[in-house]
Amino acid sequence: MRHEYSLDGQAFRLRPVGIDDAEFIVELRAGDPERTRYLHPVPPDVPAQRVWLSRYFERENDYYWVIERKASRAPEGLVGIYDVNPAAETGEWGRWVVRKGSFAAPESAMLVYRAAFEQLKLKSVYCITVADNRRVLSFHDSCGLKRVATLPAHFTLGGGQRFDGVKHLCEAADWPAVRGCLEPQTELVARRLEGSS
């Protein structure tokens, strides 16, 4: 949906996706099969992506961002919170992918949780990761998220292949501890990027 939620971190920021981001989305989500093998496939078709974005702008309770490097405003990734249930005050976060070589992962995750708990005022947010995606599962575990379910054959990805999903949950009460795990990583990345510019 069209929204105005922007969030600034130390080295990265989230800004709402716009129609002009269609080319970047296709480049990122269809250009590197190795990086996106655990994401739902996106056709390498910019006009089709514009159509998808036009429909997204009309959908309620769906928030999609570009992850930008603050210093240059260069786009480095994508992330979203969707399937928000206003009555239960819950939502799912995902669509998370960053450019190869980007250091945006820890801070973009922290910004998503800030969006969920500080701006959208959710009580909990969850993510579902392909069970074979061990690197992302390890990241969520290291942040202190709770593994609450394994979902058999939850994903159907390229070629119709079925994958189990692992559901991690972060409740509002957990957010300070999760933030405490992510902040040192984001500070380290910010110092590293500042030193390289």
N, C-alpha and C. Protein backbone atom coordinates (compact mmCIF):
# COMPACT_ATOMS: atom_id res chain seq x y z
N MET A 1 0.84 -1.18 0.00
CA MET A 1 0.00 0.00 0.00
C MET A 1 0.88 1.24 0.00
N ARG A 2 0.34 2.33 -0.47
CA ARG A 2 1.11 3.58 -0.41
C ARG A 2 1.18 4.01 1.06
N HIS A 3 2.38 4.25 1.52
CA HIS A 3 2.56 4.67 2.90
C HIS A 3 3.71 5.66 2.97
N GLU A 4 3.85 6.30 4.10
CA GLU A 4 4.87 7.33 4.27
C GLU A 4 5.90 6.95 5.33
N TYR A 5 5.95 5.68 5.71
CA TYR A 5 6.86 5.27 6.77
C TYR A 5 8.28 5.14 6.23
N SER A 6 9.15 6.06 6.64
CA SER A 6 10.58 6.00 6.36
C SER A 6 11.30 5.89 7.68
N LEU A 7 12.41 5.15 7.69
CA LEU A 7 13.17 4.98 8.93
C LEU A 7 14.65 5.13 8.62
N ASP A 8 15.34 5.94 9.41
CA ASP A 8 16.78 6.12 9.26
C ASP A 8 17.51 5.35 10.34
N GLY A 9 18.54 4.63 9.93
CA GLY A 9 19.46 4.00 10.86
C GLY A 9 20.78 4.73 10.84
N GLN A 10 21.83 4.05 11.24
CA GLN A 10 23.15 4.68 11.27
C GLN A 10 23.76 4.77 9.88
N ALA A 11 23.72 3.66 9.13
CA ALA A 11 24.32 3.64 7.79
C ALA A 11 23.29 3.42 6.69
N PHE A 12 22.12 2.91 7.06
CA PHE A 12 21.10 2.58 6.07
C PHE A 12 19.76 3.18 6.48
N ARG A 13 18.86 3.22 5.53
CA ARG A 13 17.52 3.71 5.79
C ARG A 13 16.53 2.88 4.99
N LEU A 14 15.27 2.92 5.41
CA LEU A 14 14.18 2.33 4.65
C LEU A 14 13.34 3.47 4.11
N ARG A 15 13.01 3.39 2.83
CA ARG A 15 12.07 4.35 2.24
C ARG A 15 11.02 3.57 1.47
N PRO A 16 9.79 4.09 1.39
CA PRO A 16 8.72 3.36 0.69
C PRO A 16 9.09 3.09 -0.77
N VAL A 17 8.73 1.91 -1.22
CA VAL A 17 8.92 1.55 -2.63
C VAL A 17 8.01 2.43 -3.49
N GLY A 18 8.53 2.86 -4.64
CA GLY A 18 7.74 3.63 -5.61
C GLY A 18 7.71 2.92 -6.95
N ILE A 19 6.90 3.40 -7.83
CA ILE A 19 6.76 2.77 -9.16
C ILE A 19 8.08 2.80 -9.92
N ASP A 20 8.90 3.81 -9.67
CA ASP A 20 10.18 3.91 -10.37
C ASP A 20 11.21 2.89 -9.88
N ASP A 21 10.87 2.14 -8.84
CA ASP A 21 11.79 1.10 -8.33
C ASP A 21 11.61 -0.23 -9.05
N ALA A 22 10.71 -0.29 -10.02
CA ALA A 22 10.43 -1.57 -10.70
C ALA A 22 11.70 -2.18 -11.30
N GLU A 23 12.51 -1.37 -11.94
CA GLU A 23 13.73 -1.90 -12.57
C GLU A 23 14.69 -2.46 -11.52
N PHE A 24 14.86 -1.73 -10.43
CA PHE A 24 15.74 -2.21 -9.35
C PHE A 24 15.22 -3.53 -8.77
N ILE A 25 13.91 -3.63 -8.55
CA ILE A 25 13.33 -4.85 -7.99
C ILE A 25 13.61 -6.04 -8.91
N VAL A 26 13.39 -5.84 -10.21
CA VAL A 26 13.64 -6.92 -11.16
C VAL A 26 15.12 -7.29 -11.18
N GLU A 27 15.97 -6.28 -11.20
CA GLU A 27 17.42 -6.53 -11.20
C GLU A 27 17.83 -7.35 -9.97
N LEU A 28 17.31 -6.97 -8.81
CA LEU A 28 17.71 -7.62 -7.56
C LEU A 28 17.08 -8.99 -7.41
N ARG A 29 15.80 -9.10 -7.74
CA ARG A 29 15.08 -10.35 -7.46
C ARG A 29 15.11 -11.35 -8.61
N ALA A 30 15.51 -10.91 -9.81
CA ALA A 30 15.58 -11.85 -10.93
C ALA A 30 16.98 -11.96 -11.52
N GLY A 31 17.88 -11.07 -11.10
CA GLY A 31 19.20 -11.01 -11.74
C GLY A 31 20.24 -11.97 -11.20
N ASP A 32 20.05 -12.48 -9.99
CA ASP A 32 21.05 -13.36 -9.38
C ASP A 32 20.35 -14.56 -8.77
N PRO A 33 20.19 -15.64 -9.54
CA PRO A 33 19.45 -16.81 -9.05
C PRO A 33 20.03 -17.40 -7.76
N GLU A 34 21.32 -17.29 -7.57
CA GLU A 34 21.94 -17.84 -6.36
C GLU A 34 21.45 -17.09 -5.11
N ARG A 35 21.34 -15.76 -5.20
CA ARG A 35 20.92 -14.97 -4.05
C ARG A 35 19.43 -15.08 -3.78
N THR A 36 18.66 -15.38 -4.80
CA THR A 36 17.20 -15.36 -4.65
C THR A 36 16.58 -16.75 -4.76
N ARG A 37 17.38 -17.79 -4.63
CA ARG A 37 16.83 -19.14 -4.83
C ARG A 37 15.78 -19.50 -3.79
N TYR A 38 15.76 -18.82 -2.63
CA TYR A 38 14.77 -19.12 -1.60
C TYR A 38 13.65 -18.08 -1.55
N LEU A 39 13.53 -17.26 -2.60
CA LEU A 39 12.45 -16.28 -2.70
C LEU A 39 11.48 -16.73 -3.78
N HIS A 40 10.24 -16.26 -3.68
CA HIS A 40 9.30 -16.51 -4.76
C HIS A 40 9.83 -15.84 -6.03
N PRO A 41 9.80 -16.56 -7.15
CA PRO A 41 10.40 -16.00 -8.37
C PRO A 41 9.66 -14.78 -8.88
N VAL A 42 10.44 -13.86 -9.44
CA VAL A 42 9.90 -12.66 -10.07
C VAL A 42 10.31 -12.72 -11.55
N PRO A 43 9.37 -12.57 -12.47
CA PRO A 43 9.76 -12.60 -13.89
C PRO A 43 10.67 -11.42 -14.22
N PRO A 44 11.64 -11.63 -15.10
CA PRO A 44 12.56 -10.55 -15.46
C PRO A 44 11.90 -9.58 -16.45
N ASP A 45 10.85 -8.92 -15.98
CA ASP A 45 9.98 -8.12 -16.85
C ASP A 45 9.59 -6.86 -16.08
N VAL A 46 10.23 -5.73 -16.44
CA VAL A 46 9.99 -4.47 -15.72
C VAL A 46 8.53 -4.00 -15.83
N PRO A 47 7.92 -4.04 -17.03
CA PRO A 47 6.50 -3.64 -17.10
C PRO A 47 5.60 -4.50 -16.21
N ALA A 48 5.86 -5.80 -16.14
CA ALA A 48 5.06 -6.68 -15.26
C ALA A 48 5.26 -6.29 -13.80
N GLN A 49 6.48 -5.89 -13.45
CA GLN A 49 6.74 -5.47 -12.07
C GLN A 49 6.00 -4.17 -11.76
N ARG A 50 5.91 -3.28 -12.73
CA ARG A 50 5.14 -2.04 -12.52
C ARG A 50 3.66 -2.36 -12.27
N VAL A 51 3.14 -3.33 -13.00
CA VAL A 51 1.75 -3.76 -12.79
C VAL A 51 1.59 -4.31 -11.38
N TRP A 52 2.56 -5.16 -10.94
CA TRP A 52 2.51 -5.71 -9.58
C TRP A 52 2.54 -4.58 -8.55
N LEU A 53 3.40 -3.59 -8.76
CA LEU A 53 3.49 -2.47 -7.82
C LEU A 53 2.18 -1.68 -7.80
N SER A 54 1.56 -1.47 -8.95
CA SER A 54 0.28 -0.74 -8.99
C SER A 54 -0.76 -1.46 -8.15
N ARG A 55 -0.77 -2.79 -8.20
CA ARG A 55 -1.71 -3.56 -7.38
C ARG A 55 -1.31 -3.49 -5.91
N TYR A 56 -0.01 -3.55 -5.64
CA TYR A 56 0.47 -3.45 -4.26
C TYR A 56 0.02 -2.12 -3.64
N PHE A 57 0.09 -1.02 -4.39
CA PHE A 57 -0.30 0.29 -3.85
C PHE A 57 -1.75 0.31 -3.38
N GLU A 58 -2.58 -0.55 -3.93
CA GLU A 58 -4.00 -0.61 -3.57
C GLU A 58 -4.29 -1.57 -2.42
N ARG A 59 -3.31 -2.42 -2.07
CA ARG A 59 -3.53 -3.43 -1.03
C ARG A 59 -3.36 -2.81 0.35
N GLU A 60 -4.28 -3.11 1.23
CA GLU A 60 -4.17 -2.65 2.61
C GLU A 60 -3.21 -3.55 3.39
N ASN A 61 -2.62 -3.00 4.42
CA ASN A 61 -1.84 -3.77 5.40
C ASN A 61 -0.64 -4.48 4.78
N ASP A 62 0.02 -3.80 3.83
CA ASP A 62 1.19 -4.32 3.14
C ASP A 62 2.16 -3.16 2.98
N TYR A 63 3.35 -3.28 3.58
CA TYR A 63 4.33 -2.19 3.61
C TYR A 63 5.63 -2.71 3.00
N TYR A 64 6.10 -2.03 1.96
CA TYR A 64 7.26 -2.49 1.19
C TYR A 64 8.26 -1.34 1.12
N TRP A 65 9.54 -1.66 1.37
CA TRP A 65 10.58 -0.63 1.41
C TRP A 65 11.77 -1.00 0.53
N VAL A 66 12.45 0.05 0.07
CA VAL A 66 13.79 -0.08 -0.48
C VAL A 66 14.76 0.20 0.66
N ILE A 67 15.79 -0.63 0.77
CA ILE A 67 16.87 -0.40 1.73
C ILE A 67 17.93 0.43 1.01
N GLU A 68 18.22 1.61 1.53
CA GLU A 68 19.17 2.51 0.90
C GLU A 68 20.38 2.75 1.80
N ARG A 69 21.51 2.96 1.19
CA ARG A 69 22.69 3.46 1.91
C ARG A 69 22.45 4.95 2.16
N LYS A 70 22.53 5.36 3.43
CA LYS A 70 22.21 6.75 3.77
C LYS A 70 23.10 7.76 3.07
N ALA A 71 24.40 7.48 3.02
CA ALA A 71 25.36 8.46 2.51
C ALA A 71 25.15 8.76 1.04
N SER A 72 24.76 7.75 0.26
CA SER A 72 24.67 7.92 -1.19
C SER A 72 23.25 7.83 -1.74
N ARG A 73 22.30 7.37 -0.91
CA ARG A 73 20.92 7.08 -1.35
C ARG A 73 20.88 5.95 -2.38
N ALA A 74 21.96 5.18 -2.48
CA ALA A 74 22.00 4.06 -3.42
C ALA A 74 21.16 2.91 -2.86
N PRO A 75 20.29 2.30 -3.69
CA PRO A 75 19.49 1.18 -3.21
C PRO A 75 20.35 -0.07 -3.04
N GLU A 76 20.16 -0.76 -1.91
CA GLU A 76 20.95 -1.96 -1.65
C GLU A 76 20.10 -3.18 -1.35
N GLY A 77 18.78 -3.00 -1.22
CA GLY A 77 17.96 -4.16 -0.93
C GLY A 77 16.49 -3.81 -0.84
N LEU A 78 15.71 -4.82 -0.46
CA LEU A 78 14.26 -4.70 -0.33
C LEU A 78 13.80 -5.45 0.90
N VAL A 79 12.72 -4.99 1.50
CA VAL A 79 12.15 -5.69 2.65
C VAL A 79 10.71 -5.22 2.82
N GLY A 80 9.89 -6.05 3.45
CA GLY A 80 8.49 -5.67 3.64
C GLY A 80 7.90 -6.24 4.91
N ILE A 81 6.81 -5.63 5.33
CA ILE A 81 5.92 -6.18 6.37
C ILE A 81 4.55 -6.27 5.71
N TYR A 82 3.94 -7.45 5.75
CA TYR A 82 2.69 -7.66 5.03
C TYR A 82 1.79 -8.60 5.83
N ASP A 83 0.61 -8.85 5.27
CA ASP A 83 -0.39 -9.67 5.98
C ASP A 83 -0.59 -9.16 7.40
N VAL A 84 -0.58 -7.83 7.54
CA VAL A 84 -0.81 -7.23 8.85
C VAL A 84 -2.28 -7.45 9.23
N ASN A 85 -2.48 -7.97 10.43
CA ASN A 85 -3.83 -8.17 10.96
C ASN A 85 -4.06 -7.07 12.00
N PRO A 86 -4.79 -6.01 11.65
CA PRO A 86 -4.96 -4.89 12.58
C PRO A 86 -5.65 -5.30 13.88
N ALA A 87 -6.57 -6.25 13.82
CA ALA A 87 -7.28 -6.66 15.04
C ALA A 87 -6.35 -7.39 16.00
N ALA A 88 -5.54 -8.30 15.47
CA ALA A 88 -4.61 -9.07 16.31
C ALA A 88 -3.30 -8.32 16.54
N GLU A 89 -3.07 -7.27 15.75
CA GLU A 89 -1.84 -6.47 15.83
C GLU A 89 -0.60 -7.34 15.58
N THR A 90 -0.69 -8.13 14.49
CA THR A 90 0.42 -8.99 14.08
C THR A 90 0.71 -8.75 12.61
N GLY A 91 1.88 -9.18 12.18
CA GLY A 91 2.24 -9.10 10.77
C GLY A 91 3.42 -10.00 10.48
N GLU A 92 3.64 -10.22 9.20
CA GLU A 92 4.78 -11.02 8.73
C GLU A 92 5.77 -10.10 8.06
N TRP A 93 7.06 -10.35 8.29
CA TRP A 93 8.05 -9.58 7.53
C TRP A 93 8.85 -10.53 6.64
N GLY A 94 9.21 -10.00 5.47
CA GLY A 94 9.92 -10.80 4.49
C GLY A 94 10.22 -9.98 3.25
N ARG A 95 10.20 -10.67 2.07
CA ARG A 95 10.64 -10.03 0.82
C ARG A 95 12.04 -9.46 0.98
N TRP A 96 12.80 -10.06 1.87
CA TRP A 96 14.09 -9.50 2.29
C TRP A 96 15.20 -10.02 1.40
N VAL A 97 15.82 -9.12 0.69
CA VAL A 97 16.98 -9.48 -0.14
C VAL A 97 17.87 -8.24 -0.25
N VAL A 98 19.17 -8.46 -0.14
CA VAL A 98 20.14 -7.37 -0.27
C VAL A 98 21.14 -7.72 -1.37
N ARG A 99 21.71 -6.68 -1.94
CA ARG A 99 22.72 -6.87 -3.00
C ARG A 99 23.88 -7.72 -2.47
N LYS A 100 24.48 -8.47 -3.37
CA LYS A 100 25.69 -9.20 -3.03
C LYS A 100 26.75 -8.21 -2.58
N GLY A 101 27.41 -8.50 -1.45
CA GLY A 101 28.45 -7.63 -0.94
C GLY A 101 27.94 -6.50 -0.06
N SER A 102 26.63 -6.35 0.08
CA SER A 102 26.08 -5.29 0.93
C SER A 102 26.22 -5.68 2.40
N PHE A 103 26.36 -4.66 3.24
CA PHE A 103 26.42 -4.85 4.69
C PHE A 103 25.11 -4.46 5.36
N ALA A 104 24.03 -4.38 4.58
CA ALA A 104 22.77 -3.83 5.07
C ALA A 104 21.94 -4.80 5.91
N ALA A 105 22.26 -6.09 5.92
CA ALA A 105 21.36 -7.07 6.55
C ALA A 105 21.05 -6.75 8.01
N PRO A 106 22.04 -6.59 8.91
CA PRO A 106 21.67 -6.38 10.32
C PRO A 106 20.84 -5.11 10.54
N GLU A 107 21.26 -4.01 9.90
CA GLU A 107 20.52 -2.77 10.16
C GLU A 107 19.14 -2.78 9.51
N SER A 108 19.03 -3.40 8.33
CA SER A 108 17.70 -3.45 7.71
C SER A 108 16.75 -4.29 8.56
N ALA A 109 17.25 -5.37 9.17
CA ALA A 109 16.40 -6.16 10.07
C ALA A 109 15.98 -5.31 11.27
N MET A 110 16.92 -4.57 11.84
CA MET A 110 16.59 -3.74 12.99
C MET A 110 15.56 -2.67 12.61
N LEU A 111 15.70 -2.10 11.42
CA LEU A 111 14.74 -1.08 10.99
C LEU A 111 13.35 -1.68 10.76
N VAL A 112 13.29 -2.91 10.29
CA VAL A 112 11.99 -3.57 10.11
C VAL A 112 11.32 -3.75 11.46
N TYR A 113 12.07 -4.17 12.47
CA TYR A 113 11.48 -4.32 13.80
C TYR A 113 11.06 -2.98 14.37
N ARG A 114 11.84 -1.94 14.12
CA ARG A 114 11.42 -0.60 14.56
C ARG A 114 10.10 -0.22 13.88
N ALA A 115 10.00 -0.49 12.58
CA ALA A 115 8.76 -0.18 11.87
C ALA A 115 7.59 -0.95 12.48
N ALA A 116 7.82 -2.23 12.77
CA ALA A 116 6.74 -3.08 13.29
C ALA A 116 6.27 -2.60 14.66
N PHE A 117 7.22 -2.36 15.56
CA PHE A 117 6.85 -2.10 16.96
C PHE A 117 6.70 -0.62 17.28
N GLU A 118 7.45 0.24 16.64
CA GLU A 118 7.43 1.66 16.99
C GLU A 118 6.52 2.49 16.08
N GLN A 119 6.36 2.07 14.83
CA GLN A 119 5.51 2.85 13.93
C GLN A 119 4.15 2.19 13.72
N LEU A 120 4.15 0.90 13.40
CA LEU A 120 2.88 0.21 13.17
C LEU A 120 2.23 -0.25 14.47
N LYS A 121 2.98 -0.21 15.57
CA LYS A 121 2.46 -0.57 16.90
C LYS A 121 1.93 -2.00 16.97
N LEU A 122 2.63 -2.92 16.31
CA LEU A 122 2.23 -4.32 16.35
C LEU A 122 2.62 -4.95 17.68
N LYS A 123 1.90 -5.99 18.05
CA LYS A 123 2.25 -6.75 19.26
C LYS A 123 3.25 -7.85 18.97
N SER A 124 3.25 -8.33 17.72
CA SER A 124 4.22 -9.35 17.33
C SER A 124 4.40 -9.32 15.82
N VAL A 125 5.56 -9.78 15.41
CA VAL A 125 5.88 -9.90 13.99
C VAL A 125 6.63 -11.21 13.82
N TYR A 126 6.35 -11.89 12.71
CA TYR A 126 7.00 -13.18 12.47
C TYR A 126 7.59 -13.20 11.07
N CYS A 127 8.49 -14.12 10.86
CA CYS A 127 9.03 -14.35 9.52
C CYS A 127 9.08 -15.86 9.30
N ILE A 128 8.91 -16.25 8.05
CA ILE A 128 8.97 -17.67 7.69
C ILE A 128 10.07 -17.83 6.66
N THR A 129 11.04 -18.67 6.97
CA THR A 129 12.23 -18.85 6.15
C THR A 129 12.25 -20.27 5.61
N VAL A 130 12.70 -20.43 4.38
CA VAL A 130 12.88 -21.77 3.82
C VAL A 130 13.86 -22.54 4.71
N ALA A 131 13.48 -23.75 5.09
CA ALA A 131 14.27 -24.53 6.05
C ALA A 131 15.68 -24.80 5.56
N ASP A 132 15.89 -24.85 4.25
CA ASP A 132 17.24 -25.08 3.70
C ASP A 132 18.11 -23.83 3.75
N ASN A 133 17.53 -22.68 4.03
CA ASN A 133 18.28 -21.42 4.03
C ASN A 133 18.96 -21.24 5.40
N ARG A 134 19.97 -22.04 5.63
CA ARG A 134 20.60 -22.11 6.96
C ARG A 134 21.22 -20.79 7.40
N ARG A 135 21.75 -20.03 6.45
CA ARG A 135 22.39 -18.76 6.82
C ARG A 135 21.38 -17.79 7.42
N VAL A 136 20.19 -17.68 6.80
CA VAL A 136 19.18 -16.75 7.32
C VAL A 136 18.59 -17.30 8.63
N LEU A 137 18.38 -18.60 8.71
CA LEU A 137 17.90 -19.19 9.97
C LEU A 137 18.87 -18.90 11.10
N SER A 138 20.16 -19.05 10.83
CA SER A 138 21.18 -18.77 11.85
C SER A 138 21.16 -17.30 12.26
N PHE A 139 20.95 -16.41 11.29
CA PHE A 139 20.86 -14.98 11.61
C PHE A 139 19.70 -14.73 12.57
N HIS A 140 18.52 -15.25 12.26
CA HIS A 140 17.35 -15.03 13.12
C HIS A 140 17.58 -15.64 14.51
N ASP A 141 18.16 -16.83 14.56
CA ASP A 141 18.47 -17.45 15.85
C ASP A 141 19.42 -16.58 16.66
N SER A 142 20.44 -16.03 16.00
CA SER A 142 21.45 -15.24 16.71
C SER A 142 20.88 -13.93 17.26
N CYS A 143 19.76 -13.47 16.68
CA CYS A 143 19.10 -12.25 17.17
C CYS A 143 18.20 -12.53 18.37
N GLY A 144 18.05 -13.80 18.72
CA GLY A 144 17.21 -14.15 19.86
C GLY A 144 15.75 -14.39 19.51
N LEU A 145 15.44 -14.54 18.22
CA LEU A 145 14.06 -14.84 17.84
C LEU A 145 13.70 -16.26 18.25
N LYS A 146 12.43 -16.47 18.54
CA LYS A 146 11.95 -17.79 18.95
C LYS A 146 11.50 -18.57 17.72
N ARG A 147 12.00 -19.80 17.58
CA ARG A 147 11.47 -20.70 16.55
C ARG A 147 10.18 -21.28 17.11
N VAL A 148 9.08 -21.01 16.44
CA VAL A 148 7.79 -21.44 16.99
C VAL A 148 7.11 -22.53 16.18
N ALA A 149 7.57 -22.78 14.94
CA ALA A 149 6.91 -23.81 14.14
C ALA A 149 7.79 -24.19 12.95
N THR A 150 7.65 -25.45 12.55
CA THR A 150 8.14 -25.92 11.26
C THR A 150 6.91 -26.20 10.41
N LEU A 151 6.89 -25.65 9.20
CA LEU A 151 5.71 -25.72 8.34
C LEU A 151 6.04 -26.59 7.12
N PRO A 152 5.58 -27.84 7.12
CA PRO A 152 5.92 -28.75 6.02
C PRO A 152 5.40 -28.25 4.67
N ALA A 153 6.27 -28.32 3.66
CA ALA A 153 5.91 -27.97 2.28
C ALA A 153 5.23 -26.60 2.18
N HIS A 154 5.70 -25.65 2.97
CA HIS A 154 5.07 -24.32 3.04
C HIS A 154 5.30 -23.50 1.77
N PHE A 155 6.48 -23.65 1.17
CA PHE A 155 6.86 -22.85 0.00
C PHE A 155 6.85 -23.69 -1.26
N THR A 156 6.35 -23.09 -2.34
CA THR A 156 6.52 -23.66 -3.68
C THR A 156 7.32 -22.62 -4.47
N LEU A 157 8.55 -22.97 -4.81
CA LEU A 157 9.44 -22.01 -5.47
C LEU A 157 9.69 -22.43 -6.91
N GLY A 158 10.72 -21.84 -7.54
CA GLY A 158 11.00 -22.10 -8.95
C GLY A 158 10.94 -23.57 -9.32
N GLY A 159 10.29 -23.87 -10.43
CA GLY A 159 10.18 -25.23 -10.90
C GLY A 159 9.19 -26.07 -10.11
N GLY A 160 8.41 -25.41 -9.24
CA GLY A 160 7.40 -26.14 -8.48
C GLY A 160 7.95 -26.92 -7.30
N GLN A 161 9.22 -26.70 -6.97
CA GLN A 161 9.82 -27.43 -5.86
C GLN A 161 9.24 -26.96 -4.53
N ARG A 162 8.92 -27.92 -3.65
CA ARG A 162 8.32 -27.62 -2.35
C ARG A 162 9.41 -27.62 -1.28
N PHE A 163 9.30 -26.66 -0.36
CA PHE A 163 10.25 -26.52 0.74
C PHE A 163 9.50 -26.34 2.05
N ASP A 164 10.03 -26.91 3.12
CA ASP A 164 9.51 -26.65 4.45
C ASP A 164 9.87 -25.22 4.86
N GLY A 165 9.08 -24.65 5.76
CA GLY A 165 9.37 -23.33 6.30
C GLY A 165 9.61 -23.40 7.80
N VAL A 166 10.40 -22.47 8.30
CA VAL A 166 10.64 -22.33 9.73
C VAL A 166 10.14 -20.95 10.15
N LYS A 167 9.25 -20.92 11.12
CA LYS A 167 8.63 -19.67 11.58
C LYS A 167 9.34 -19.17 12.83
N HIS A 168 9.85 -17.94 12.75
CA HIS A 168 10.43 -17.24 13.90
C HIS A 168 9.46 -16.14 14.33
N LEU A 169 9.38 -15.91 15.62
CA LEU A 169 8.47 -14.91 16.18
C LEU A 169 9.24 -13.92 17.04
N CYS A 170 8.88 -12.65 16.91
CA CYS A 170 9.38 -11.62 17.82
C CYS A 170 8.17 -10.86 18.36
N GLU A 171 7.98 -10.91 19.66
CA GLU A 171 6.90 -10.17 20.29
C GLU A 171 7.44 -8.83 20.79
N ALA A 172 6.54 -7.90 21.01
CA ALA A 172 6.96 -6.56 21.43
C ALA A 172 7.82 -6.62 22.68
N ALA A 173 7.52 -7.54 23.59
CA ALA A 173 8.31 -7.67 24.82
C ALA A 173 9.72 -8.16 24.54
N ASP A 174 9.92 -8.86 23.41
CA ASP A 174 11.25 -9.37 23.04
C ASP A 174 12.09 -8.32 22.32
N TRP A 175 11.45 -7.28 21.81
CA TRP A 175 12.13 -6.33 20.95
C TRP A 175 13.34 -5.68 21.61
N PRO A 176 13.31 -5.26 22.88
CA PRO A 176 14.53 -4.66 23.45
C PRO A 176 15.73 -5.62 23.43
N ALA A 177 15.52 -6.90 23.70
CA ALA A 177 16.62 -7.86 23.67
C ALA A 177 17.11 -8.08 22.25
N VAL A 178 16.18 -8.18 21.30
CA VAL A 178 16.57 -8.35 19.90
C VAL A 178 17.36 -7.12 19.44
N ARG A 179 16.88 -5.95 19.82
CA ARG A 179 17.59 -4.72 19.47
C ARG A 179 19.01 -4.74 20.06
N GLY A 180 19.12 -5.24 21.29
CA GLY A 180 20.43 -5.34 21.93
C GLY A 180 21.39 -6.26 21.19
N CYS A 181 20.85 -7.27 20.51
CA CYS A 181 21.69 -8.16 19.69
C CYS A 181 22.10 -7.50 18.38
N LEU A 182 21.20 -6.72 17.80
CA LEU A 182 21.45 -6.13 16.48
C LEU A 182 22.27 -4.84 16.53
N GLU A 183 22.12 -4.05 17.58
CA GLU A 183 22.79 -2.75 17.63
C GLU A 183 24.30 -2.83 17.52
N PRO A 184 24.98 -3.75 18.23
CA PRO A 184 26.43 -3.80 18.07
C PRO A 184 26.86 -4.10 16.63
N GLN A 185 26.09 -4.94 15.94
CA GLN A 185 26.42 -5.25 14.54
C GLN A 185 26.24 -4.02 13.66
N THR A 186 25.16 -3.28 13.88
CA THR A 186 24.91 -2.11 13.05
C THR A 186 25.95 -1.02 13.32
N GLU A 187 26.37 -0.88 14.57
CA GLU A 187 27.40 0.11 14.90
C GLU A 187 28.73 -0.25 14.24
N LEU A 188 29.07 -1.54 14.27
CA LEU A 188 30.31 -2.01 13.64
C LEU A 188 30.29 -1.73 12.13
N VAL A 189 29.17 -2.04 11.49
CA VAL A 189 29.06 -1.79 10.04
C VAL A 189 29.14 -0.30 9.76
N ALA A 190 28.46 0.52 10.55
CA ALA A 190 28.49 1.98 10.31
C ALA A 190 29.92 2.51 10.41
N ARG A 191 30.67 2.05 11.41
CA ARG A 191 32.07 2.50 11.56
C ARG A 191 32.92 2.04 10.37
N ARG A 192 32.68 0.80 9.95
CA ARG A 192 33.44 0.27 8.81
C ARG A 192 33.16 1.05 7.53
N LEU A 193 31.88 1.33 7.28
CA LEU A 193 31.52 2.07 6.08
C LEU A 193 32.01 3.51 6.14
N GLU A 194 31.95 4.10 7.33
CA GLU A 194 32.44 5.48 7.49
C GLU A 194 33.93 5.55 7.20
N GLY A 195 34.66 4.54 7.66
CA GLY A 195 36.10 4.51 7.44
C GLY A 195 36.50 4.26 6.00
N SER A 196 35.59 3.64 5.22
CA SER A 196 35.92 3.34 3.82
C SER A 196 35.51 4.44 2.87
N SER A 197 34.76 5.48 3.38
CA SER A 197 34.33 6.52 2.45
C SER A 197 35.27 7.70 2.45
